[in-house]
Amino acid sequence: MKILKANSAVAITEWAPHRIEKPRDEWTAEDNRKANLDNVAKDILYQTLDKFNFSKIKMFKTAKEIWEKLIQFCEGNEKTKENKLSVAVQKFDNTKMKNGESLDEYDERISSIVNELNALGKVYSNKEVALKVVIGLPKE
């Protein structure tokens, strides 16, 4: 983790001081606490990742960098999110009960799609979901 301090040798620009890394021998007790918290956070993140995802983030130095990259890998950018949402809405709209599928299996499949949509920010009311379930039932 980098602990920063204001660089008094450089003029302040846009009301914010230029910051440089603080040498370890100048660290305060608060700086040590922050560095330790970063190490704890990194350890927690490392323990929750499988080998595949760990290999994607092992080069990052701080927990914040790791967290931001994990969000990017898992959620994608705005365009990716829009595409995922479009696909999920289309999946919801086109879902019908399959031949040989039990009502519980069909309900579980609809619930899974609704959960995916909720995670992407699209929320359907219980009435809309119930209507979808009924519309997707076979006529017999």
N, C-alpha and C. Protein backbone atom coordinates (compact mmCIF):
# COMPACT_ATOMS: atom_id res chain seq x y z
N MET A 1 0.84 -1.18 0.00
CA MET A 1 0.00 0.00 0.00
C MET A 1 0.88 1.23 0.00
N LYS A 2 0.45 2.23 -0.73
CA LYS A 2 1.17 3.49 -0.77
C LYS A 2 0.51 4.47 0.20
N ILE A 3 1.31 5.04 1.07
CA ILE A 3 0.86 6.13 1.93
C ILE A 3 1.41 7.40 1.28
N LEU A 4 0.52 8.36 1.04
CA LEU A 4 0.91 9.57 0.33
C LEU A 4 1.00 10.77 1.27
N LYS A 5 1.78 11.75 0.84
CA LYS A 5 1.86 13.02 1.56
C LYS A 5 1.93 14.13 0.53
N ALA A 6 1.60 15.34 0.97
CA ALA A 6 1.65 16.49 0.08
C ALA A 6 3.10 16.80 -0.26
N ASN A 7 3.35 17.11 -1.52
CA ASN A 7 4.68 17.47 -1.97
C ASN A 7 4.79 18.99 -1.93
N SER A 8 5.45 19.48 -0.92
CA SER A 8 5.55 20.93 -0.75
C SER A 8 6.47 21.58 -1.79
N ALA A 9 7.24 20.80 -2.52
CA ALA A 9 8.16 21.34 -3.52
C ALA A 9 7.43 21.72 -4.81
N VAL A 10 6.18 21.24 -4.97
CA VAL A 10 5.40 21.50 -6.18
C VAL A 10 4.23 22.40 -5.81
N ALA A 11 3.95 23.38 -6.64
CA ALA A 11 2.86 24.32 -6.37
C ALA A 11 1.53 23.59 -6.38
N ILE A 12 0.61 24.07 -5.57
CA ILE A 12 -0.73 23.49 -5.52
C ILE A 12 -1.47 23.86 -6.80
N THR A 13 -2.07 22.86 -7.43
CA THR A 13 -2.84 23.10 -8.64
C THR A 13 -4.28 22.71 -8.40
N GLU A 14 -5.18 23.53 -8.89
CA GLU A 14 -6.61 23.28 -8.78
C GLU A 14 -7.02 22.95 -7.35
N TRP A 15 -6.49 23.66 -6.40
CA TRP A 15 -6.83 23.56 -4.98
C TRP A 15 -6.47 22.22 -4.35
N ALA A 16 -5.71 21.39 -5.04
CA ALA A 16 -5.29 20.11 -4.48
C ALA A 16 -3.77 20.01 -4.54
N PRO A 17 -3.15 19.64 -3.43
CA PRO A 17 -1.69 19.53 -3.46
C PRO A 17 -1.23 18.33 -4.28
N HIS A 18 -0.07 18.43 -4.86
CA HIS A 18 0.55 17.32 -5.54
C HIS A 18 0.96 16.31 -4.47
N ARG A 19 0.71 15.04 -4.68
CA ARG A 19 1.00 14.05 -3.65
C ARG A 19 2.10 13.10 -4.12
N ILE A 20 2.94 12.72 -3.18
CA ILE A 20 4.01 11.77 -3.43
C ILE A 20 3.96 10.70 -2.35
N GLU A 21 4.63 9.59 -2.63
CA GLU A 21 4.65 8.51 -1.65
C GLU A 21 5.47 8.92 -0.42
N LYS A 22 4.91 8.63 0.76
CA LYS A 22 5.58 8.97 2.02
C LYS A 22 6.57 7.85 2.35
N PRO A 23 7.82 8.18 2.63
CA PRO A 23 8.79 7.15 3.00
C PRO A 23 8.33 6.41 4.27
N ARG A 24 8.61 5.13 4.33
CA ARG A 24 8.16 4.29 5.45
C ARG A 24 8.64 4.81 6.80
N ASP A 25 9.83 5.41 6.86
CA ASP A 25 10.34 5.91 8.14
C ASP A 25 9.58 7.14 8.64
N GLU A 26 8.71 7.73 7.79
CA GLU A 26 7.90 8.87 8.19
C GLU A 26 6.46 8.46 8.55
N TRP A 27 6.14 7.18 8.42
CA TRP A 27 4.79 6.72 8.69
C TRP A 27 4.42 6.96 10.14
N THR A 28 3.17 7.36 10.34
CA THR A 28 2.62 7.53 11.69
C THR A 28 1.91 6.24 12.08
N ALA A 29 1.43 6.20 13.32
CA ALA A 29 0.65 5.03 13.78
C ALA A 29 -0.59 4.86 12.91
N GLU A 30 -1.21 5.97 12.51
CA GLU A 30 -2.39 5.92 11.65
C GLU A 30 -2.04 5.37 10.27
N ASP A 31 -0.89 5.74 9.74
CA ASP A 31 -0.44 5.20 8.45
C ASP A 31 -0.23 3.70 8.55
N ASN A 32 0.37 3.24 9.63
CA ASN A 32 0.59 1.80 9.84
C ASN A 32 -0.75 1.06 9.93
N ARG A 33 -1.72 1.68 10.61
CA ARG A 33 -3.05 1.07 10.75
C ARG A 33 -3.71 0.93 9.38
N LYS A 34 -3.62 1.97 8.56
CA LYS A 34 -4.21 1.93 7.21
C LYS A 34 -3.56 0.85 6.36
N ALA A 35 -2.23 0.76 6.44
CA ALA A 35 -1.51 -0.26 5.66
C ALA A 35 -1.92 -1.65 6.12
N ASN A 36 -2.09 -1.83 7.42
CA ASN A 36 -2.49 -3.13 7.95
C ASN A 36 -3.91 -3.48 7.50
N LEU A 37 -4.82 -2.50 7.51
CA LEU A 37 -6.18 -2.75 7.04
C LEU A 37 -6.19 -3.15 5.57
N ASP A 38 -5.34 -2.52 4.78
CA ASP A 38 -5.24 -2.88 3.37
C ASP A 38 -4.78 -4.33 3.23
N ASN A 39 -3.81 -4.73 4.04
CA ASN A 39 -3.33 -6.11 4.00
C ASN A 39 -4.41 -7.10 4.42
N VAL A 40 -5.20 -6.74 5.41
CA VAL A 40 -6.29 -7.60 5.86
C VAL A 40 -7.32 -7.73 4.74
N ALA A 41 -7.68 -6.62 4.12
CA ALA A 41 -8.65 -6.65 3.02
C ALA A 41 -8.14 -7.48 1.85
N LYS A 42 -6.87 -7.32 1.49
CA LYS A 42 -6.29 -8.12 0.41
C LYS A 42 -6.34 -9.61 0.76
N ASP A 43 -6.02 -9.95 2.00
CA ASP A 43 -6.04 -11.34 2.44
C ASP A 43 -7.44 -11.94 2.30
N ILE A 44 -8.45 -11.17 2.69
CA ILE A 44 -9.83 -11.65 2.57
C ILE A 44 -10.18 -11.87 1.10
N LEU A 45 -9.81 -10.93 0.25
CA LEU A 45 -10.09 -11.08 -1.18
C LEU A 45 -9.36 -12.29 -1.76
N TYR A 46 -8.10 -12.47 -1.40
CA TYR A 46 -7.32 -13.60 -1.90
C TYR A 46 -7.96 -14.93 -1.50
N GLN A 47 -8.44 -15.01 -0.27
CA GLN A 47 -9.00 -16.27 0.22
C GLN A 47 -10.31 -16.64 -0.46
N THR A 48 -11.03 -15.65 -1.00
CA THR A 48 -12.32 -15.94 -1.62
C THR A 48 -12.22 -16.25 -3.10
N LEU A 49 -11.05 -16.07 -3.69
CA LEU A 49 -10.92 -16.25 -5.13
C LEU A 49 -10.39 -17.63 -5.49
N ASP A 50 -10.90 -18.15 -6.60
CA ASP A 50 -10.32 -19.39 -7.13
C ASP A 50 -9.05 -19.04 -7.91
N LYS A 51 -8.34 -20.07 -8.36
CA LYS A 51 -7.05 -19.85 -9.05
C LYS A 51 -7.21 -19.01 -10.31
N PHE A 52 -8.29 -19.22 -11.02
CA PHE A 52 -8.52 -18.48 -12.27
C PHE A 52 -8.64 -16.98 -12.01
N ASN A 53 -9.50 -16.62 -11.04
CA ASN A 53 -9.70 -15.19 -10.75
C ASN A 53 -8.50 -14.60 -10.02
N PHE A 54 -7.83 -15.39 -9.19
CA PHE A 54 -6.65 -14.89 -8.50
C PHE A 54 -5.57 -14.49 -9.51
N SER A 55 -5.43 -15.28 -10.57
CA SER A 55 -4.41 -14.97 -11.57
C SER A 55 -4.70 -13.64 -12.27
N LYS A 56 -5.96 -13.22 -12.30
CA LYS A 56 -6.32 -11.96 -12.94
C LYS A 56 -5.94 -10.74 -12.09
N ILE A 57 -5.85 -10.91 -10.76
CA ILE A 57 -5.67 -9.75 -9.89
C ILE A 57 -4.37 -9.77 -9.09
N LYS A 58 -3.58 -10.82 -9.22
CA LYS A 58 -2.40 -10.96 -8.36
C LYS A 58 -1.37 -9.84 -8.55
N MET A 59 -1.39 -9.14 -9.67
CA MET A 59 -0.40 -8.10 -9.91
C MET A 59 -0.77 -6.75 -9.29
N PHE A 60 -1.99 -6.61 -8.79
CA PHE A 60 -2.42 -5.34 -8.20
C PHE A 60 -1.94 -5.23 -6.76
N LYS A 61 -1.60 -4.02 -6.37
CA LYS A 61 -0.92 -3.80 -5.09
C LYS A 61 -1.84 -3.52 -3.91
N THR A 62 -2.99 -2.88 -4.16
CA THR A 62 -3.85 -2.50 -3.05
C THR A 62 -5.20 -3.21 -3.14
N ALA A 63 -5.88 -3.30 -2.01
CA ALA A 63 -7.20 -3.92 -1.97
C ALA A 63 -8.17 -3.14 -2.86
N LYS A 64 -8.03 -1.82 -2.89
CA LYS A 64 -8.91 -0.99 -3.72
C LYS A 64 -8.72 -1.33 -5.20
N GLU A 65 -7.48 -1.45 -5.64
CA GLU A 65 -7.22 -1.81 -7.04
C GLU A 65 -7.80 -3.19 -7.35
N ILE A 66 -7.60 -4.13 -6.44
CA ILE A 66 -8.11 -5.49 -6.63
C ILE A 66 -9.63 -5.46 -6.74
N TRP A 67 -10.28 -4.76 -5.82
CA TRP A 67 -11.74 -4.68 -5.80
C TRP A 67 -12.28 -4.06 -7.09
N GLU A 68 -11.66 -2.97 -7.55
CA GLU A 68 -12.11 -2.32 -8.77
C GLU A 68 -11.97 -3.24 -9.98
N LYS A 69 -10.88 -3.99 -10.04
CA LYS A 69 -10.69 -4.93 -11.16
C LYS A 69 -11.69 -6.08 -11.10
N LEU A 70 -11.97 -6.58 -9.90
CA LEU A 70 -12.96 -7.65 -9.76
C LEU A 70 -14.34 -7.18 -10.21
N ILE A 71 -14.69 -5.95 -9.87
CA ILE A 71 -15.97 -5.40 -10.32
C ILE A 71 -15.98 -5.33 -11.85
N GLN A 72 -14.89 -4.86 -12.41
CA GLN A 72 -14.79 -4.76 -13.87
C GLN A 72 -14.89 -6.15 -14.52
N PHE A 73 -14.20 -7.14 -13.96
CA PHE A 73 -14.23 -8.49 -14.53
C PHE A 73 -15.62 -9.11 -14.41
N CYS A 74 -16.25 -8.92 -13.27
CA CYS A 74 -17.53 -9.58 -13.00
C CYS A 74 -18.72 -8.86 -13.63
N GLU A 75 -18.72 -7.54 -13.57
CA GLU A 75 -19.87 -6.79 -14.07
C GLU A 75 -19.66 -6.25 -15.47
N GLY A 76 -18.43 -5.99 -15.83
CA GLY A 76 -18.15 -5.42 -17.14
C GLY A 76 -18.38 -3.93 -17.15
N ASN A 77 -18.17 -3.32 -18.30
CA ASN A 77 -18.39 -1.88 -18.42
C ASN A 77 -19.88 -1.62 -18.70
N GLU A 78 -20.24 -0.38 -18.89
CA GLU A 78 -21.65 -0.02 -19.08
C GLU A 78 -22.26 -0.71 -20.31
N LYS A 79 -21.49 -0.80 -21.38
CA LYS A 79 -22.00 -1.45 -22.61
C LYS A 79 -22.28 -2.93 -22.35
N THR A 80 -21.38 -3.59 -21.62
CA THR A 80 -21.56 -4.99 -21.28
C THR A 80 -22.81 -5.18 -20.42
N LYS A 81 -22.99 -4.28 -19.44
CA LYS A 81 -24.17 -4.36 -18.58
C LYS A 81 -25.45 -4.20 -19.39
N GLU A 82 -25.45 -3.25 -20.32
CA GLU A 82 -26.63 -3.04 -21.17
C GLU A 82 -26.93 -4.29 -22.00
N ASN A 83 -25.90 -4.91 -22.54
CA ASN A 83 -26.08 -6.13 -23.34
C ASN A 83 -26.62 -7.26 -22.47
N LYS A 84 -26.06 -7.42 -21.26
CA LYS A 84 -26.55 -8.46 -20.35
C LYS A 84 -28.01 -8.24 -20.02
N LEU A 85 -28.38 -6.99 -19.77
CA LEU A 85 -29.76 -6.66 -19.44
C LEU A 85 -30.68 -6.97 -20.61
N SER A 86 -30.28 -6.61 -21.81
CA SER A 86 -31.10 -6.89 -23.00
C SER A 86 -31.33 -8.38 -23.19
N VAL A 87 -30.27 -9.15 -23.01
CA VAL A 87 -30.38 -10.61 -23.15
C VAL A 87 -31.30 -11.18 -22.08
N ALA A 88 -31.15 -10.70 -20.83
CA ALA A 88 -31.98 -11.21 -19.74
C ALA A 88 -33.45 -10.85 -19.93
N VAL A 89 -33.73 -9.63 -20.39
CA VAL A 89 -35.12 -9.22 -20.65
C VAL A 89 -35.72 -10.09 -21.75
N GLN A 90 -34.94 -10.32 -22.78
CA GLN A 90 -35.41 -11.17 -23.88
C GLN A 90 -35.66 -12.60 -23.40
N LYS A 91 -34.77 -13.09 -22.55
CA LYS A 91 -34.94 -14.43 -21.99
C LYS A 91 -36.23 -14.50 -21.16
N PHE A 92 -36.48 -13.46 -20.35
CA PHE A 92 -37.71 -13.40 -19.54
C PHE A 92 -38.94 -13.37 -20.45
N ASP A 93 -38.91 -12.52 -21.46
CA ASP A 93 -40.06 -12.37 -22.35
C ASP A 93 -40.37 -13.66 -23.13
N ASN A 94 -39.35 -14.43 -23.45
CA ASN A 94 -39.54 -15.62 -24.28
C ASN A 94 -39.67 -16.92 -23.48
N THR A 95 -39.65 -16.84 -22.18
CA THR A 95 -39.70 -18.06 -21.36
C THR A 95 -41.10 -18.65 -21.34
N LYS A 96 -41.15 -19.92 -21.65
CA LYS A 96 -42.39 -20.70 -21.59
C LYS A 96 -42.06 -22.03 -20.94
N MET A 97 -43.07 -22.65 -20.37
CA MET A 97 -42.88 -23.95 -19.73
C MET A 97 -42.57 -24.99 -20.81
N LYS A 98 -41.53 -25.79 -20.55
CA LYS A 98 -41.10 -26.80 -21.51
C LYS A 98 -41.91 -28.08 -21.33
N ASN A 99 -41.97 -28.89 -22.40
CA ASN A 99 -42.63 -30.19 -22.31
C ASN A 99 -41.91 -31.05 -21.27
N GLY A 100 -42.68 -31.66 -20.39
CA GLY A 100 -42.10 -32.53 -19.37
C GLY A 100 -41.54 -31.79 -18.16
N GLU A 101 -41.59 -30.48 -18.17
CA GLU A 101 -41.06 -29.69 -17.05
C GLU A 101 -42.14 -29.57 -15.98
N SER A 102 -41.75 -29.77 -14.73
CA SER A 102 -42.72 -29.62 -13.63
C SER A 102 -42.95 -28.14 -13.36
N LEU A 103 -44.03 -27.85 -12.67
CA LEU A 103 -44.35 -26.46 -12.32
C LEU A 103 -43.27 -25.88 -11.42
N ASP A 104 -42.72 -26.70 -10.51
CA ASP A 104 -41.65 -26.24 -9.63
C ASP A 104 -40.39 -25.88 -10.43
N GLU A 105 -40.05 -26.72 -11.42
CA GLU A 105 -38.88 -26.45 -12.25
C GLU A 105 -39.07 -25.17 -13.07
N TYR A 106 -40.27 -25.01 -13.61
CA TYR A 106 -40.59 -23.80 -14.39
C TYR A 106 -40.50 -22.56 -13.50
N ASP A 107 -41.09 -22.64 -12.31
CA ASP A 107 -41.05 -21.52 -11.37
C ASP A 107 -39.62 -21.19 -10.97
N GLU A 108 -38.80 -22.23 -10.77
CA GLU A 108 -37.40 -22.01 -10.41
C GLU A 108 -36.64 -21.32 -11.55
N ARG A 109 -36.95 -21.71 -12.78
CA ARG A 109 -36.30 -21.11 -13.94
C ARG A 109 -36.69 -19.63 -14.07
N ILE A 110 -37.97 -19.33 -13.89
CA ILE A 110 -38.44 -17.94 -13.94
C ILE A 110 -37.78 -17.13 -12.82
N SER A 111 -37.74 -17.70 -11.61
CA SER A 111 -37.14 -17.00 -10.46
C SER A 111 -35.67 -16.69 -10.72
N SER A 112 -34.98 -17.62 -11.33
CA SER A 112 -33.56 -17.41 -11.65
C SER A 112 -33.39 -16.24 -12.62
N ILE A 113 -34.23 -16.17 -13.61
CA ILE A 113 -34.16 -15.07 -14.58
C ILE A 113 -34.52 -13.75 -13.90
N VAL A 114 -35.54 -13.75 -13.05
CA VAL A 114 -35.94 -12.53 -12.34
C VAL A 114 -34.82 -12.06 -11.43
N ASN A 115 -34.14 -12.98 -10.75
CA ASN A 115 -32.99 -12.62 -9.89
C ASN A 115 -31.87 -12.00 -10.71
N GLU A 116 -31.61 -12.58 -11.87
CA GLU A 116 -30.59 -12.03 -12.77
C GLU A 116 -30.97 -10.61 -13.20
N LEU A 117 -32.23 -10.40 -13.54
CA LEU A 117 -32.70 -9.08 -13.92
C LEU A 117 -32.59 -8.09 -12.77
N ASN A 118 -32.95 -8.52 -11.56
CA ASN A 118 -32.84 -7.65 -10.38
C ASN A 118 -31.39 -7.22 -10.18
N ALA A 119 -30.45 -8.15 -10.34
CA ALA A 119 -29.04 -7.84 -10.17
C ALA A 119 -28.56 -6.82 -11.21
N LEU A 120 -29.21 -6.81 -12.36
CA LEU A 120 -28.85 -5.88 -13.43
C LEU A 120 -29.65 -4.57 -13.35
N GLY A 121 -30.50 -4.45 -12.33
CA GLY A 121 -31.22 -3.21 -12.12
C GLY A 121 -32.63 -3.16 -12.69
N LYS A 122 -33.10 -4.25 -13.28
CA LYS A 122 -34.45 -4.30 -13.83
C LYS A 122 -35.33 -5.07 -12.84
N VAL A 123 -36.35 -4.39 -12.30
CA VAL A 123 -37.21 -5.01 -11.29
C VAL A 123 -38.62 -5.15 -11.84
N TYR A 124 -39.13 -6.37 -11.76
CA TYR A 124 -40.51 -6.64 -12.14
C TYR A 124 -41.33 -6.78 -10.86
N SER A 125 -42.58 -6.32 -10.91
CA SER A 125 -43.46 -6.48 -9.76
C SER A 125 -43.89 -7.95 -9.66
N ASN A 126 -44.40 -8.33 -8.51
CA ASN A 126 -44.89 -9.70 -8.33
C ASN A 126 -46.02 -9.99 -9.31
N LYS A 127 -46.83 -8.98 -9.58
CA LYS A 127 -47.94 -9.14 -10.53
C LYS A 127 -47.41 -9.46 -11.93
N GLU A 128 -46.38 -8.74 -12.34
CA GLU A 128 -45.79 -8.97 -13.67
C GLU A 128 -45.18 -10.37 -13.77
N VAL A 129 -44.52 -10.80 -12.72
CA VAL A 129 -43.89 -12.13 -12.71
C VAL A 129 -44.97 -13.21 -12.73
N ALA A 130 -46.02 -13.03 -11.91
CA ALA A 130 -47.11 -14.01 -11.87
C ALA A 130 -47.80 -14.11 -13.24
N LEU A 131 -48.00 -12.97 -13.88
CA LEU A 131 -48.61 -12.94 -15.21
C LEU A 131 -47.73 -13.68 -16.21
N LYS A 132 -46.43 -13.48 -16.13
CA LYS A 132 -45.48 -14.16 -17.02
C LYS A 132 -45.57 -15.68 -16.82
N VAL A 133 -45.62 -16.10 -15.56
CA VAL A 133 -45.72 -17.54 -15.26
C VAL A 133 -46.97 -18.12 -15.88
N VAL A 134 -48.10 -17.44 -15.72
CA VAL A 134 -49.36 -17.93 -16.25
C VAL A 134 -49.35 -17.95 -17.78
N ILE A 135 -48.85 -16.88 -18.39
CA ILE A 135 -48.80 -16.82 -19.86
C ILE A 135 -47.91 -17.91 -20.43
N GLY A 136 -46.86 -18.26 -19.71
CA GLY A 136 -45.93 -19.28 -20.20
C GLY A 136 -46.37 -20.70 -19.99
N LEU A 137 -47.51 -20.91 -19.32
CA LEU A 137 -48.02 -22.27 -19.11
C LEU A 137 -48.60 -22.83 -20.40
N PRO A 138 -48.49 -24.12 -20.62
CA PRO A 138 -49.11 -24.71 -21.82
C PRO A 138 -50.64 -24.63 -21.72
N LYS A 139 -51.31 -24.64 -22.85
CA LYS A 139 -52.76 -24.49 -22.87
C LYS A 139 -53.49 -25.64 -22.19
N GLU A 140 -52.91 -26.83 -22.24
CA GLU A 140 -53.57 -27.95 -21.61
C GLU A 140 -53.33 -27.90 -20.13
